[in-house]
Protein backbone atom coordinates (compact mmCIF):
# COMPACT_ATOMS: atom_id res chain seq x y z
CA MET A 1 13.89 9.82 14.59
CA ASN A 2 15.72 6.62 13.79
CA MET A 3 19.22 7.48 12.60
CA TYR A 4 21.28 5.17 10.41
CA LEU A 5 24.73 5.34 8.88
CA CYS A 6 25.40 4.34 5.28
CA SER A 7 28.14 1.76 4.86
CA ILE A 8 29.00 3.40 1.53
CA SER A 9 30.52 6.21 3.61
CA PHE A 10 33.33 3.73 4.37
CA ARG A 11 33.94 2.71 0.75
CA HIS A 12 37.57 3.93 0.94
CA GLU A 13 38.22 2.81 4.51
CA LEU A 14 39.75 -0.47 5.69
CA VAL A 15 36.98 -1.56 8.05
CA SER A 16 35.25 -4.88 8.74
CA PHE A 17 31.52 -5.39 9.17
CA GLY A 18 32.08 -6.28 12.82
CA GLU A 19 33.98 -3.04 13.37
CA LEU A 20 31.20 -1.10 11.67
CA ILE A 21 28.63 -2.70 13.98
CA ASP A 22 30.76 -1.80 17.01
CA TYR A 23 31.11 1.77 15.79
CA ALA A 24 27.38 2.18 15.06
CA ALA A 25 26.48 0.85 18.51
CA ALA A 26 29.03 2.98 20.36
CA ALA A 27 28.10 6.15 18.47
CA GLY A 28 24.37 5.69 19.10
CA PHE A 29 23.06 4.86 15.63
CA ASP A 30 19.96 2.71 15.20
CA GLY A 31 21.51 0.67 12.43
CA ILE A 32 23.21 0.50 9.06
CA GLU A 33 22.13 1.02 5.49
CA LEU A 34 24.13 -1.64 3.66
CA TRP A 35 25.73 -0.92 0.30
CA GLY A 36 25.15 -3.91 -1.97
CA VAL A 37 28.86 -4.07 -2.82
CA HIS A 38 29.60 -4.64 0.86
CA GLY A 39 26.75 -7.14 1.19
CA ARG A 40 28.01 -9.29 -1.69
CA ALA A 41 31.55 -9.22 -0.29
CA LEU A 42 30.30 -10.46 3.09
CA LEU A 43 28.20 -13.21 1.53
CA ARG A 44 31.22 -14.39 -0.47
CA SER A 45 33.82 -14.23 2.28
CA ARG A 46 31.97 -14.83 5.58
CA PRO A 47 28.65 -16.60 4.88
CA GLN A 48 28.86 -18.89 7.90
CA GLU A 49 29.72 -16.06 10.30
CA LEU A 50 27.04 -13.69 9.04
CA PRO A 51 24.07 -15.02 11.08
CA ARG A 52 26.08 -14.70 14.29
CA MET A 53 27.11 -11.13 13.42
CA LEU A 54 23.50 -10.20 12.66
CA ASP A 55 22.32 -11.82 15.89
CA ASP A 56 24.85 -9.70 17.76
CA MET A 57 23.75 -6.63 15.83
CA ASN A 58 20.07 -7.21 16.61
CA ALA A 59 20.83 -7.91 20.28
CA ARG A 60 22.41 -4.47 20.47
CA GLY A 61 19.28 -2.84 19.08
CA LEU A 62 20.66 -2.35 15.58
CA GLY A 63 19.22 -3.38 12.24
CA ILE A 64 19.84 -3.16 8.49
CA SER A 65 17.46 -0.56 7.10
CA MET A 66 17.88 -1.56 3.46
CA VAL A 67 20.27 -2.93 0.90
CA SER A 68 21.26 -0.19 -1.55
CA ASP A 69 22.11 -1.55 -4.96
CA TYR A 70 21.69 -1.13 -8.69
CA ALA A 71 19.86 -2.80 -11.56
CA ASP A 72 19.26 -1.58 -15.09
CA LEU A 73 15.52 -1.01 -15.25
CA LEU A 74 15.83 0.35 -18.79
CA ALA A 75 17.83 -2.59 -20.16
CA PRO A 76 16.82 -3.86 -23.62
CA ASP A 77 14.25 -6.62 -23.65
CA ASP A 78 16.84 -9.26 -24.57
CA ARG A 79 18.56 -8.53 -21.24
CA LEU A 80 15.42 -9.00 -19.16
CA PRO A 81 16.57 -12.46 -17.94
CA GLU A 82 19.72 -10.79 -16.52
CA LEU A 83 17.60 -8.23 -14.70
CA LEU A 84 15.36 -10.91 -13.20
CA GLN A 85 18.36 -12.97 -12.12
CA ARG A 86 19.94 -9.94 -10.45
CA TRP A 87 16.66 -9.22 -8.67
CA GLU A 88 16.50 -12.76 -7.30
CA GLU A 89 20.06 -12.33 -6.02
CA LEU A 90 19.11 -9.06 -4.35
CA LEU A 91 16.07 -10.67 -2.74
CA ASP A 92 18.34 -13.40 -1.38
CA MET A 93 20.66 -10.70 -0.05
CA ALA A 94 17.77 -8.88 1.63
CA GLN A 95 16.73 -12.12 3.32
CA ALA A 96 20.30 -12.83 4.42
CA PHE A 97 20.62 -9.38 5.99
CA ARG A 98 17.11 -9.39 7.48
CA THR A 99 15.74 -6.34 5.69
CA ARG A 100 12.56 -5.77 3.71
CA HIS A 101 13.81 -2.91 1.54
CA ILE A 102 16.04 -2.88 -1.56
CA ARG A 103 17.09 0.47 -3.00
CA LEU A 104 17.32 0.87 -6.78
CA PHE A 105 17.68 3.78 -9.19
CA ALA A 106 14.96 4.36 -11.78
CA GLY A 107 17.17 3.75 -14.79
CA SER A 108 20.21 5.73 -15.85
CA ARG A 109 18.61 8.36 -18.06
CA PRO A 110 17.45 11.87 -17.11
CA SER A 111 13.67 12.13 -17.05
CA VAL A 112 13.76 15.03 -19.48
CA ALA A 113 15.47 12.78 -22.06
CA ALA A 114 13.14 9.81 -21.58
CA ASP A 115 10.56 8.94 -24.23
CA GLU A 116 7.26 7.17 -23.71
CA ARG A 117 8.85 3.79 -24.33
CA ASP A 118 11.32 4.45 -21.49
CA TRP A 119 8.55 5.37 -19.09
CA SER A 120 6.46 2.35 -20.04
CA ARG A 121 9.42 -0.03 -19.83
CA CYS A 122 10.51 1.25 -16.43
CA ALA A 123 7.00 1.04 -14.98
CA GLU A 124 6.45 -2.46 -16.35
CA ARG A 125 9.78 -3.66 -14.97
CA LEU A 126 9.07 -2.13 -11.57
CA ARG A 127 5.64 -3.77 -11.40
CA GLU A 128 7.13 -7.17 -12.23
CA LEU A 129 9.97 -6.85 -9.73
CA ALA A 130 7.53 -5.57 -7.10
CA ARG A 131 5.22 -8.54 -7.74
CA ILE A 132 8.10 -10.95 -7.11
CA ALA A 133 9.30 -9.00 -4.08
CA ALA A 134 5.84 -8.80 -2.53
CA GLU A 135 5.75 -12.58 -2.27
CA GLN A 136 8.64 -12.28 0.18
CA GLY A 137 7.38 -9.17 1.96
CA VAL A 138 10.05 -7.00 0.35
CA SER A 139 9.64 -3.58 -1.29
CA ILE A 140 11.59 -1.80 -4.02
CA VAL A 141 12.73 1.60 -2.78
CA ILE A 142 13.38 4.04 -5.63
CA GLU A 143 15.82 6.79 -4.77
CA THR A 144 15.28 10.36 -5.93
CA HIS A 145 18.51 10.85 -7.85
CA PRO A 146 19.87 12.88 -10.80
CA ASP A 147 19.93 11.33 -14.26
CA THR A 148 17.14 8.86 -13.50
CA LEU A 149 13.39 8.86 -14.03
CA ALA A 150 13.09 10.02 -10.41
CA ASP A 151 15.32 13.09 -10.74
CA THR A 152 12.61 15.71 -10.11
CA LEU A 153 9.51 15.79 -7.95
CA GLN A 154 7.25 15.74 -11.00
CA SER A 155 9.03 12.80 -12.63
CA THR A 156 9.04 10.84 -9.36
CA LEU A 157 5.30 11.34 -8.96
CA ARG A 158 4.73 10.26 -12.55
CA LEU A 159 6.76 7.10 -12.03
CA LEU A 160 4.77 6.24 -8.90
CA ARG A 161 1.47 6.83 -10.71
CA ASP A 162 2.56 4.83 -13.77
CA THR A 163 3.79 1.93 -11.64
CA ASN A 164 0.91 1.97 -9.16
CA HIS A 165 2.17 -0.82 -6.91
CA SER A 166 2.09 -0.93 -3.11
CA HIS A 167 5.58 -2.47 -2.97
CA VAL A 168 7.24 0.37 -4.87
CA ARG A 169 8.32 2.97 -2.32
CA ILE A 170 10.61 6.02 -2.20
CA ASN A 171 13.95 6.84 -0.63
CA LEU A 172 13.71 10.62 -0.40
CA ASP A 173 17.13 12.16 -0.89
CA PHE A 174 16.47 15.75 0.10
CA LEU A 175 19.58 17.19 -1.52
CA HIS A 176 18.99 15.62 -4.90
CA LEU A 177 15.46 16.98 -5.22
CA TRP A 178 16.66 20.32 -3.83
CA GLU A 179 19.23 20.54 -6.62
CA SER A 180 16.43 19.95 -9.13
CA GLY A 181 14.59 22.98 -7.74
CA THR A 182 12.25 21.48 -5.12
CA ALA A 183 12.43 22.71 -1.52
CA PRO A 184 12.99 19.86 0.97
CA LEU A 185 9.70 20.32 2.81
CA GLU A 186 7.76 20.53 -0.45
CA ALA A 187 9.33 17.22 -1.51
CA TYR A 188 8.49 15.70 1.87
CA ARG A 189 4.84 16.78 1.72
CA ALA A 190 4.36 15.51 -1.81
CA LEU A 191 6.09 12.15 -1.34
CA SER A 192 5.42 11.31 2.31
CA GLU A 193 2.81 8.63 1.63
CA TRP A 194 5.33 6.63 -0.43
CA THR A 195 8.52 7.40 1.49
CA VAL A 196 10.06 4.70 3.69
CA ASN A 197 13.63 6.04 3.93
CA PHE A 198 15.43 9.39 3.91
CA HIS A 199 18.94 10.31 2.81
CA VAL A 200 20.43 13.43 4.35
CA LYS A 201 23.62 15.18 3.25
CA ASN A 202 24.62 18.78 2.62
CA VAL A 203 26.82 21.10 0.56
CA ALA A 204 28.30 24.50 1.25
CA SER A 205 26.49 26.05 -1.72
CA PRO A 206 24.43 25.01 -4.76
CA ASP A 207 27.58 25.31 -6.86
CA HIS A 208 28.94 22.19 -5.16
CA VAL A 209 26.20 19.67 -6.00
CA GLU A 210 28.32 18.21 -8.79
CA LEU A 211 30.54 16.77 -6.06
CA PHE A 212 27.97 13.99 -5.65
CA ALA A 213 28.27 12.79 -9.25
CA PRO A 214 29.19 9.08 -9.13
CA VAL A 215 32.35 9.67 -11.15
CA ASN A 216 33.55 11.93 -8.33
CA VAL A 217 32.29 10.29 -5.13
CA PHE A 218 33.50 6.81 -6.08
CA SER A 219 36.96 8.02 -7.04
CA PRO A 220 39.54 7.84 -4.22
CA SER A 221 41.05 11.03 -5.66
CA GLY A 222 37.71 12.78 -6.17
CA ARG A 223 37.11 16.31 -4.91
CA ARG A 224 35.59 16.63 -1.45
CA THR A 225 35.81 20.37 -0.77
CA GLY A 226 32.28 21.74 -0.44
CA MET A 227 30.83 18.66 1.25
CA THR A 228 29.74 19.86 4.65
CA GLY A 229 27.71 19.01 7.73
CA LEU A 230 23.95 18.93 8.05
CA SER A 231 24.02 21.95 10.35
CA SER A 232 26.24 24.19 8.26
CA GLY A 233 25.34 23.79 4.60
CA ALA A 234 22.99 25.32 2.08
CA ILE A 235 20.02 23.12 3.07
CA ASP A 236 18.28 24.01 6.33
CA TYR A 237 18.04 20.60 7.94
CA SER A 238 16.78 22.09 11.20
CA ALA A 239 13.46 22.75 9.48
CA VAL A 240 13.46 19.26 7.96
CA PHE A 241 14.14 17.53 11.28
CA ASP A 242 11.58 19.72 13.04
CA ARG A 243 8.93 18.54 10.60
CA LEU A 244 9.93 14.88 10.76
CA CYS A 245 9.75 14.97 14.56
CA ARG A 246 6.43 16.83 14.65
CA ASP A 247 4.99 14.18 12.34
CA GLY A 248 6.42 11.38 14.45
CA VAL A 249 8.24 9.87 11.47
CA GLN A 250 9.81 6.51 12.34
CA HIS A 251 11.33 5.67 8.96
CA PRO A 252 15.13 5.47 8.85
CA VAL A 253 16.99 8.73 8.34
CA ALA A 254 20.34 7.72 6.86
CA ILE A 255 23.33 10.05 6.95
CA GLU A 256 25.32 9.86 3.72
CA TRP A 257 28.86 11.17 4.02
CA PHE A 258 31.18 11.05 1.02
CA GLY A 259 33.97 13.19 2.48
CA GLU A 260 37.03 12.31 4.51
CA GLN A 261 37.15 11.00 8.08
CA PRO A 262 33.75 9.24 8.13
CA TYR A 263 34.15 8.02 11.73
CA GLN A 264 34.55 11.52 13.13
CA HIS A 265 32.07 13.18 10.81
CA LEU A 266 29.22 10.70 11.26
CA ARG A 267 29.55 10.82 15.03
CA SER A 268 29.44 14.62 14.92
CA GLU A 269 26.37 14.57 12.66
CA LEU A 270 24.57 12.18 14.96
CA GLN A 271 25.35 14.35 17.97
CA TRP A 272 23.85 17.34 16.19
CA ALA A 273 20.73 15.36 15.24
CA ALA A 274 20.35 14.12 18.82
CA ALA A 275 18.70 17.42 19.76
CA TRP A 276 15.53 16.19 18.01
CA ASN A 277 15.54 12.88 19.89
CA SER A 278 15.94 14.34 23.38
């Protein structure tokens, strides 16, 4: 497996991109999934240094798996120009960071609350963004995530069918589909032909999934108790990693950690996952 760290895990840490590259290389990661907030900051503050840093990163066998960002796919029609402008900016960011994948959420509305107009609008927007992206060899990667049109296995499959575009792919977040009632391996089997990235994280029990609500994880004073390691939580990641290895999956497996002490925790997680790469 190819293991990546998510730069969002360091959202409350004082760390430079160069330091993050050094850490990823020393710990044994294959690369970094770049949070769009961090990408924009680097492009604003260090645009001339960025190519050299990426050259150094690539020389050390590391890469950027994808840029993870946000765009309102359900915005009213009069805001479509804003959406297209943001997409062009994200495509420029992907080119700058030498990646072919941009992660988005499928709107900000639970699938159960979506009407036919929402589904049609989201699919049309995705097809248009994918058409533009395909010209540059880039794909949209929709994350399975609560309160979006990809918040259950069934809704994710519907969105893929409705969109029907080869440059619309999936970032399979096992925990988020698990909290919707789908077992991780069932989600993997159903979505494998579209999946190009995996997010892995764990909780002590199902009662703790609310810890990953954005209002909590982005707050410096948010609750962290109940966030736990891949080997010790409610999801059996041993079975997941066994299956990924048996299938020879080469897509990035990105460890998301929203708790404290990301340096120590991510290194420990990678050491545990190393058993499948030996």
